[in-house]
Amino acid sequence: MCGLVNRNKFYSKCVDIYKYLRKYAKLIINLLELMIDSGIPDITEDAIEKMAEKFCLNDNDEAAERQFLIILEESVTSLFGKITDFTHKWATYFRK
């Protein structure tokens, strides 16, 4: 039961942060667009467009929150995440 409470707290904090960042999404996107000419390889028009899509700017807050929670739940239950956690636990164990 404690795990569920902690997970819900984590989800709640993630949603709060997402909403806060979403409020300033246009500013973040504009700053990234100004950095396109900086020569940083990962800052491209395509990358900025993908980021803008992740902010769900065409949706209202509730719809964006639901979409974010779906992505968050998928990442928590993904196989890759479990493998990474398992590998991290083993690496930490052998460092001792």
C-alpha atoms as a PDB file:
ATOM      1  CA  MET A   1       0.000   0.000   0.000  1.00  0.00           C
ATOM      2  CA  CYS A   2       2.891   2.350   0.782  1.00  0.00           C
ATOM      3  CA  GLY A   3       4.245   1.809  -2.734  1.00  0.00           C
ATOM      4  CA  LEU A   4       0.946   2.906  -4.233  1.00  0.00           C
ATOM      5  CA  VAL A   5       0.869   6.046  -2.076  1.00  0.00           C
ATOM      6  CA  ASN A   6       4.445   6.907  -3.058  1.00  0.00           C
ATOM      7  CA  ARG A   7       3.706   6.243  -6.726  1.00  0.00           C
ATOM      8  CA  ASN A   8       0.660   8.521  -6.609  1.00  0.00           C
ATOM      9  CA  LYS A   9       2.749  11.257  -4.934  1.00  0.00           C
ATOM     10  CA  PHE A  10       5.387  10.846  -7.638  1.00  0.00           C
ATOM     11  CA  TYR A  11       2.772  11.028 -10.396  1.00  0.00           C
ATOM     12  CA  SER A  12       1.214  14.103  -8.799  1.00  0.00           C
ATOM     13  CA  LYS A  13       4.555  15.903  -8.623  1.00  0.00           C
ATOM     14  CA  CYS A  14       5.378  14.948 -12.224  1.00  0.00           C
ATOM     15  CA  VAL A  15       2.027  16.312 -13.395  1.00  0.00           C
ATOM     16  CA  ASP A  16       2.552  19.538 -11.436  1.00  0.00           C
ATOM     17  CA  ILE A  17       5.973  20.025 -13.035  1.00  0.00           C
ATOM     18  CA  TYR A  18       4.580  19.220 -16.491  1.00  0.00           C
ATOM     19  CA  LYS A  19       1.800  21.778 -16.039  1.00  0.00           C
ATOM     20  CA  TYR A  20       4.306  24.382 -14.883  1.00  0.00           C
ATOM     21  CA  LEU A  21       6.616  23.767 -17.850  1.00  0.00           C
ATOM     22  CA  ARG A  22       3.623  23.719 -20.177  1.00  0.00           C
ATOM     23  CA  LYS A  23       2.653  27.176 -18.969  1.00  0.00           C
ATOM     24  CA  TYR A  24       6.025  28.440 -20.263  1.00  0.00           C
ATOM     25  CA  ALA A  25       6.212  26.151 -23.298  1.00  0.00           C
ATOM     26  CA  LYS A  26       6.146  28.976 -25.840  1.00  0.00           C
ATOM     27  CA  LEU A  27       9.061  30.676 -24.105  1.00  0.00           C
ATOM     28  CA  ILE A  28      11.030  27.415 -23.946  1.00  0.00           C
ATOM     29  CA  ILE A  29      10.375  26.738 -27.621  1.00  0.00           C
ATOM     30  CA  ASN A  30      11.352  30.282 -28.608  1.00  0.00           C
ATOM     31  CA  LEU A  31      14.619  30.000 -26.674  1.00  0.00           C
ATOM     32  CA  LEU A  32      15.413  26.710 -28.377  1.00  0.00           C
ATOM     33  CA  GLU A  33      14.636  28.219 -31.779  1.00  0.00           C
ATOM     34  CA  LEU A  34      17.128  30.982 -31.041  1.00  0.00           C
ATOM     35  CA  MET A  35      19.727  28.293 -30.330  1.00  0.00           C
ATOM     36  CA  ILE A  36      19.356  26.527 -33.697  1.00  0.00           C
ATOM     37  CA  ASP A  37      22.271  28.469 -35.185  1.00  0.00           C
ATOM     38  CA  SER A  38      24.481  27.758 -32.152  1.00  0.00           C
ATOM     39  CA  GLY A  39      25.914  24.609 -33.690  1.00  0.00           C
ATOM     40  CA  ILE A  40      24.642  22.260 -30.982  1.00  0.00           C
ATOM     41  CA  PRO A  41      23.948  19.069 -32.958  1.00  0.00           C
ATOM     42  CA  ASP A  42      20.773  17.984 -31.151  1.00  0.00           C
ATOM     43  CA  ILE A  43      18.973  21.320 -31.440  1.00  0.00           C
ATOM     44  CA  THR A  44      17.217  21.084 -34.787  1.00  0.00           C
ATOM     45  CA  GLU A  45      13.878  22.207 -36.205  1.00  0.00           C
ATOM     46  CA  ASP A  46      12.630  18.608 -36.020  1.00  0.00           C
ATOM     47  CA  ALA A  47      13.653  18.212 -32.376  1.00  0.00           C
ATOM     48  CA  ILE A  48      11.927  21.465 -31.440  1.00  0.00           C
ATOM     49  CA  GLU A  49       8.762  20.431 -33.283  1.00  0.00           C
ATOM     50  CA  LYS A  50       8.736  17.100 -31.430  1.00  0.00           C
ATOM     51  CA  MET A  51       9.148  18.930 -28.128  1.00  0.00           C
ATOM     52  CA  ALA A  52       6.298  21.272 -28.982  1.00  0.00           C
ATOM     53  CA  GLU A  53       4.110  18.221 -29.685  1.00  0.00           C
ATOM     54  CA  LYS A  54       4.972  16.815 -26.245  1.00  0.00           C
ATOM     55  CA  PHE A  55       3.635  19.973 -24.623  1.00  0.00           C
ATOM     56  CA  CYS A  56       0.202  19.342 -26.250  1.00  0.00           C
ATOM     57  CA  LEU A  57      -0.288  23.057 -26.819  1.00  0.00           C
ATOM     58  CA  ASN A  58      -3.505  22.518 -28.788  1.00  0.00           C
ATOM     59  CA  ASP A  59      -5.133  20.645 -25.879  1.00  0.00           C
ATOM     60  CA  ASN A  60      -6.624  21.957 -22.671  1.00  0.00           C
ATOM     61  CA  ASP A  61      -4.931  21.236 -19.327  1.00  0.00           C
ATOM     62  CA  GLU A  62      -7.017  18.166 -18.539  1.00  0.00           C
ATOM     63  CA  ALA A  63      -6.398  16.513 -21.905  1.00  0.00           C
ATOM     64  CA  ALA A  64      -2.674  17.288 -21.735  1.00  0.00           C
ATOM     65  CA  GLU A  65      -2.526  15.866 -18.208  1.00  0.00           C
ATOM     66  CA  ARG A  66      -4.253  12.648 -19.313  1.00  0.00           C
ATOM     67  CA  GLN A  67      -1.831  12.264 -22.219  1.00  0.00           C
ATOM     68  CA  PHE A  68       1.141  12.875 -19.922  1.00  0.00           C
ATOM     69  CA  LEU A  69      -0.116  10.297 -17.405  1.00  0.00           C
ATOM     70  CA  ILE A  70      -0.466   7.722 -20.206  1.00  0.00           C
ATOM     71  CA  ILE A  71       3.147   8.317 -21.234  1.00  0.00           C
ATOM     72  CA  LEU A  72       4.293   8.207 -17.605  1.00  0.00           C
ATOM     73  CA  GLU A  73       2.471   4.924 -16.966  1.00  0.00           C
ATOM     74  CA  GLU A  74       3.937   3.395 -20.130  1.00  0.00           C
ATOM     75  CA  SER A  75       7.441   4.364 -19.062  1.00  0.00           C
ATOM     76  CA  VAL A  76       6.963   2.909 -15.576  1.00  0.00           C
ATOM     77  CA  THR A  77       5.747  -0.421 -16.923  1.00  0.00           C
ATOM     78  CA  SER A  78       8.220  -0.667 -19.816  1.00  0.00           C
ATOM     79  CA  LEU A  79      10.563  -3.628 -20.070  1.00  0.00           C
ATOM     80  CA  PHE A  80      13.583  -1.417 -20.784  1.00  0.00           C
ATOM     81  CA  GLY A  81      13.027   0.505 -17.545  1.00  0.00           C
ATOM     82  CA  LYS A  82      12.877  -2.714 -15.554  1.00  0.00           C
ATOM     83  CA  ILE A  83      16.070  -3.998 -17.174  1.00  0.00           C
ATOM     84  CA  THR A  84      17.819  -0.698 -16.415  1.00  0.00           C
ATOM     85  CA  ASP A  85      16.715  -0.827 -12.773  1.00  0.00           C
ATOM     86  CA  PHE A  86      17.868  -4.432 -12.463  1.00  0.00           C
ATOM     87  CA  THR A  87      21.250  -3.607 -13.997  1.00  0.00           C
ATOM     88  CA  HIS A  88      21.642  -0.606 -11.710  1.00  0.00           C
ATOM     89  CA  LYS A  89      20.899  -2.712  -8.622  1.00  0.00           C
ATOM     90  CA  TRP A  90      23.525  -5.281  -9.649  1.00  0.00           C
ATOM     91  CA  ALA A  91      26.121  -2.613 -10.413  1.00  0.00           C
ATOM     92  CA  THR A  92      25.487  -0.991  -7.034  1.00  0.00           C
ATOM     93  CA  TYR A  93      25.730  -4.355  -5.296  1.00  0.00           C
ATOM     94  CA  PHE A  94      29.090  -5.186  -6.878  1.00  0.00           C
ATOM     95  CA  ARG A  95      30.546  -1.751  -6.101  1.00  0.00           C
ATOM     96  CA  LYS A  96      30.303  -2.445  -2.382  1.00  0.00           C
END
